[in-house]
Amino acid sequence: MLLYEFKQYHPNNSGESTLPRKETETRIYLDEETTDIIFYQYLFEGPKVLDINSVTIPIRQLANLSKMALTAYASIWINSYNTSEGK
């Protein structure tokens, strides 16, 4: 089952404005049989597919990773919040 899909556009670093820019398309699926989360990523240059990659993560590991990332993000946010601005 498709969970999420997004595209990212990358600037053309060659300076040639006539060359097509590169685009990354990411699709995230839930394998309903194994409950694994599968990330597929496609790299395009115009209509041409340059590369395809995939990563499979068990849903429990993804949950643990998400928890660690949110904890780290919250810690960074709290540490950057300065409560002594009035001094």
N, C-alpha and C. Protein backbone atom coordinates (compact mmCIF):
# COMPACT_ATOMS: atom_id res chain seq x y z
N MET A 1 0.84 -1.16 0.00
CA MET A 1 0.00 0.00 0.00
C MET A 1 0.90 1.24 0.00
N LEU A 2 0.63 2.15 -0.91
CA LEU A 2 1.39 3.40 -0.99
C LEU A 2 1.04 4.29 0.19
N LEU A 3 2.05 4.72 0.94
CA LEU A 3 1.84 5.59 2.09
C LEU A 3 2.09 7.05 1.76
N TYR A 4 3.16 7.31 1.00
CA TYR A 4 3.56 8.69 0.76
C TYR A 4 4.42 8.75 -0.49
N GLU A 5 4.36 9.87 -1.17
CA GLU A 5 5.14 10.07 -2.39
C GLU A 5 5.52 11.54 -2.48
N PHE A 6 6.78 11.82 -2.83
CA PHE A 6 7.19 13.21 -3.02
C PHE A 6 8.33 13.29 -4.03
N LYS A 7 8.50 14.49 -4.57
CA LYS A 7 9.55 14.76 -5.56
C LYS A 7 10.45 15.87 -5.06
N GLN A 8 11.71 15.79 -5.43
CA GLN A 8 12.69 16.83 -5.15
C GLN A 8 13.38 17.18 -6.45
N TYR A 9 13.55 18.46 -6.69
CA TYR A 9 14.22 18.92 -7.90
C TYR A 9 15.62 19.41 -7.53
N HIS A 10 16.57 19.06 -8.37
CA HIS A 10 17.97 19.40 -8.12
C HIS A 10 18.46 20.37 -9.19
N PRO A 11 19.20 21.39 -8.78
CA PRO A 11 19.67 22.37 -9.78
C PRO A 11 20.66 21.74 -10.75
N ASN A 12 20.68 22.28 -11.95
CA ASN A 12 21.62 21.83 -12.97
C ASN A 12 22.94 22.56 -12.71
N ASN A 13 23.95 21.85 -12.22
CA ASN A 13 25.22 22.46 -11.84
C ASN A 13 26.18 22.67 -13.00
N SER A 14 25.82 22.21 -14.18
CA SER A 14 26.75 22.31 -15.31
C SER A 14 26.74 23.69 -15.95
N GLY A 15 25.76 24.52 -15.61
CA GLY A 15 25.67 25.84 -16.23
C GLY A 15 24.97 25.82 -17.57
N GLU A 16 24.67 24.65 -18.08
CA GLU A 16 23.96 24.51 -19.36
C GLU A 16 22.46 24.56 -19.09
N SER A 17 21.81 25.63 -19.45
CA SER A 17 20.38 25.75 -19.18
C SER A 17 19.54 24.86 -20.09
N THR A 18 20.15 24.34 -21.15
CA THR A 18 19.39 23.48 -22.07
C THR A 18 19.32 22.04 -21.58
N LEU A 19 20.19 21.67 -20.64
CA LEU A 19 20.17 20.30 -20.11
C LEU A 19 19.01 20.15 -19.13
N PRO A 20 18.35 18.98 -19.15
CA PRO A 20 17.27 18.78 -18.18
C PRO A 20 17.83 18.66 -16.76
N ARG A 21 17.10 19.21 -15.82
CA ARG A 21 17.56 19.10 -14.44
C ARG A 21 17.20 17.73 -13.88
N LYS A 22 17.91 17.35 -12.84
CA LYS A 22 17.66 16.05 -12.22
C LYS A 22 16.54 16.16 -11.20
N GLU A 23 15.83 15.07 -11.06
CA GLU A 23 14.68 15.01 -10.18
C GLU A 23 14.70 13.68 -9.44
N THR A 24 14.44 13.72 -8.14
CA THR A 24 14.35 12.51 -7.34
C THR A 24 12.89 12.31 -6.96
N GLU A 25 12.40 11.11 -7.20
CA GLU A 25 11.03 10.77 -6.80
C GLU A 25 11.13 9.66 -5.77
N THR A 26 10.51 9.86 -4.62
CA THR A 26 10.54 8.89 -3.53
C THR A 26 9.12 8.39 -3.28
N ARG A 27 8.99 7.09 -3.17
CA ARG A 27 7.70 6.46 -2.86
C ARG A 27 7.90 5.55 -1.66
N ILE A 28 6.99 5.66 -0.71
CA ILE A 28 7.09 4.88 0.52
C ILE A 28 5.86 3.98 0.61
N TYR A 29 6.12 2.70 0.77
CA TYR A 29 5.06 1.70 0.80
C TYR A 29 5.06 0.94 2.12
N LEU A 30 3.90 0.40 2.49
CA LEU A 30 3.78 -0.55 3.57
C LEU A 30 3.49 -1.90 2.94
N ASP A 31 4.37 -2.88 3.21
CA ASP A 31 4.12 -4.25 2.77
C ASP A 31 3.16 -4.85 3.78
N GLU A 32 1.93 -5.08 3.39
CA GLU A 32 0.90 -5.52 4.31
C GLU A 32 1.12 -6.94 4.83
N GLU A 33 1.87 -7.75 4.11
CA GLU A 33 2.16 -9.12 4.57
C GLU A 33 3.23 -9.15 5.64
N THR A 34 4.30 -8.38 5.44
CA THR A 34 5.44 -8.41 6.37
C THR A 34 5.44 -7.24 7.34
N THR A 35 4.60 -6.24 7.11
CA THR A 35 4.55 -4.95 7.82
C THR A 35 5.88 -4.19 7.74
N ASP A 36 6.65 -4.46 6.71
CA ASP A 36 7.88 -3.70 6.46
C ASP A 36 7.52 -2.40 5.75
N ILE A 37 8.33 -1.38 5.97
CA ILE A 37 8.22 -0.13 5.24
C ILE A 37 9.29 -0.16 4.15
N ILE A 38 8.89 0.11 2.93
CA ILE A 38 9.82 0.04 1.80
C ILE A 38 9.89 1.42 1.14
N PHE A 39 11.11 1.94 1.05
CA PHE A 39 11.37 3.22 0.39
C PHE A 39 11.96 2.92 -0.99
N TYR A 40 11.33 3.44 -2.03
CA TYR A 40 11.88 3.36 -3.38
C TYR A 40 12.24 4.78 -3.79
N GLN A 41 13.41 4.92 -4.39
CA GLN A 41 13.81 6.24 -4.86
C GLN A 41 14.33 6.11 -6.29
N TYR A 42 13.81 7.00 -7.14
CA TYR A 42 14.14 7.02 -8.55
C TYR A 42 14.82 8.34 -8.87
N LEU A 43 15.92 8.30 -9.61
CA LEU A 43 16.61 9.50 -10.05
C LEU A 43 16.38 9.66 -11.55
N PHE A 44 15.79 10.79 -11.92
CA PHE A 44 15.48 11.09 -13.32
C PHE A 44 16.32 12.26 -13.80
N GLU A 45 16.62 12.25 -15.08
CA GLU A 45 17.13 13.42 -15.78
C GLU A 45 16.23 13.57 -17.00
N GLY A 46 15.27 14.49 -16.88
CA GLY A 46 14.22 14.55 -17.89
C GLY A 46 13.41 13.27 -17.79
N PRO A 47 13.08 12.63 -18.91
CA PRO A 47 12.31 11.39 -18.86
C PRO A 47 13.17 10.14 -18.61
N LYS A 48 14.49 10.32 -18.63
CA LYS A 48 15.41 9.18 -18.50
C LYS A 48 15.64 8.82 -17.03
N VAL A 49 15.46 7.53 -16.68
CA VAL A 49 15.74 7.04 -15.33
C VAL A 49 17.24 6.75 -15.23
N LEU A 50 17.93 7.44 -14.31
CA LEU A 50 19.37 7.25 -14.13
C LEU A 50 19.69 6.18 -13.10
N ASP A 51 18.83 6.06 -12.07
CA ASP A 51 19.14 5.14 -10.98
C ASP A 51 17.87 4.82 -10.20
N ILE A 52 17.82 3.63 -9.64
CA ILE A 52 16.72 3.21 -8.77
C ILE A 52 17.33 2.55 -7.54
N ASN A 53 16.86 2.95 -6.35
CA ASN A 53 17.32 2.36 -5.10
C ASN A 53 16.12 2.03 -4.24
N SER A 54 16.30 1.06 -3.34
CA SER A 54 15.25 0.75 -2.39
C SER A 54 15.87 0.36 -1.05
N VAL A 55 15.10 0.63 0.00
CA VAL A 55 15.50 0.26 1.36
C VAL A 55 14.26 -0.30 2.05
N THR A 56 14.41 -1.43 2.73
CA THR A 56 13.33 -2.03 3.47
C THR A 56 13.66 -1.96 4.96
N ILE A 57 12.71 -1.44 5.75
CA ILE A 57 12.91 -1.28 7.18
C ILE A 57 11.72 -1.92 7.90
N PRO A 58 11.98 -2.84 8.83
CA PRO A 58 10.86 -3.37 9.62
C PRO A 58 10.16 -2.22 10.36
N ILE A 59 8.86 -2.30 10.46
CA ILE A 59 8.09 -1.19 11.01
C ILE A 59 8.49 -0.87 12.45
N ARG A 60 8.88 -1.87 13.24
CA ARG A 60 9.34 -1.61 14.62
C ARG A 60 10.62 -0.79 14.62
N GLN A 61 11.53 -1.11 13.70
CA GLN A 61 12.78 -0.35 13.62
C GLN A 61 12.50 1.08 13.18
N LEU A 62 11.56 1.25 12.26
CA LEU A 62 11.20 2.60 11.82
C LEU A 62 10.59 3.38 12.99
N ALA A 63 9.78 2.73 13.81
CA ALA A 63 9.19 3.39 14.98
C ALA A 63 10.29 3.82 15.95
N ASN A 64 11.25 2.94 16.21
CA ASN A 64 12.38 3.28 17.09
C ASN A 64 13.20 4.43 16.52
N LEU A 65 13.47 4.38 15.24
CA LEU A 65 14.24 5.43 14.57
C LEU A 65 13.50 6.76 14.64
N SER A 66 12.20 6.73 14.42
CA SER A 66 11.40 7.96 14.49
C SER A 66 11.43 8.54 15.89
N LYS A 67 11.32 7.69 16.89
CA LYS A 67 11.36 8.15 18.28
C LYS A 67 12.70 8.80 18.61
N MET A 68 13.80 8.17 18.17
CA MET A 68 15.13 8.73 18.43
C MET A 68 15.30 10.07 17.70
N ALA A 69 14.83 10.15 16.46
CA ALA A 69 14.97 11.39 15.69
C ALA A 69 14.15 12.51 16.32
N LEU A 70 12.93 12.22 16.76
CA LEU A 70 12.10 13.25 17.39
C LEU A 70 12.68 13.69 18.72
N THR A 71 13.25 12.76 19.48
CA THR A 71 13.90 13.10 20.74
C THR A 71 15.08 14.03 20.50
N ALA A 72 15.90 13.70 19.51
CA ALA A 72 17.06 14.54 19.18
C ALA A 72 16.61 15.91 18.70
N TYR A 73 15.58 15.96 17.87
CA TYR A 73 15.07 17.23 17.36
C TYR A 73 14.53 18.09 18.50
N ALA A 74 13.77 17.47 19.40
CA ALA A 74 13.22 18.21 20.54
C ALA A 74 14.34 18.74 21.43
N SER A 75 15.37 17.96 21.63
CA SER A 75 16.51 18.39 22.44
C SER A 75 17.21 19.59 21.80
N ILE A 76 17.41 19.54 20.51
CA ILE A 76 18.04 20.67 19.80
C ILE A 76 17.17 21.91 19.92
N TRP A 77 15.85 21.74 19.73
CA TRP A 77 14.94 22.88 19.81
C TRP A 77 14.94 23.48 21.21
N ILE A 78 14.88 22.64 22.24
CA ILE A 78 14.87 23.13 23.63
C ILE A 78 16.17 23.85 23.95
N ASN A 79 17.29 23.29 23.51
CA ASN A 79 18.60 23.92 23.78
C ASN A 79 18.77 25.24 23.03
N SER A 80 18.09 25.39 21.90
CA SER A 80 18.22 26.63 21.14
C SER A 80 17.26 27.71 21.64
N TYR A 81 16.30 27.33 22.43
CA TYR A 81 15.33 28.29 22.95
C TYR A 81 15.95 28.99 24.13
N ASN A 82 16.16 30.29 24.02
CA ASN A 82 16.84 31.05 25.05
C ASN A 82 15.82 31.75 25.94
N THR A 83 15.71 31.29 27.19
CA THR A 83 14.73 31.89 28.11
C THR A 83 15.28 33.12 28.81
N SER A 84 16.54 33.42 28.60
CA SER A 84 17.15 34.56 29.28
C SER A 84 17.29 35.76 28.36
N GLU A 85 16.40 35.93 27.40
CA GLU A 85 16.49 37.06 26.47
C GLU A 85 16.30 38.40 27.15
N GLY A 86 15.61 38.42 28.27
CA GLY A 86 15.35 39.67 28.96
C GLY A 86 16.54 40.21 29.72
N LYS A 87 17.60 39.48 29.83
CA LYS A 87 18.79 39.91 30.60
C LYS A 87 19.62 40.89 29.82
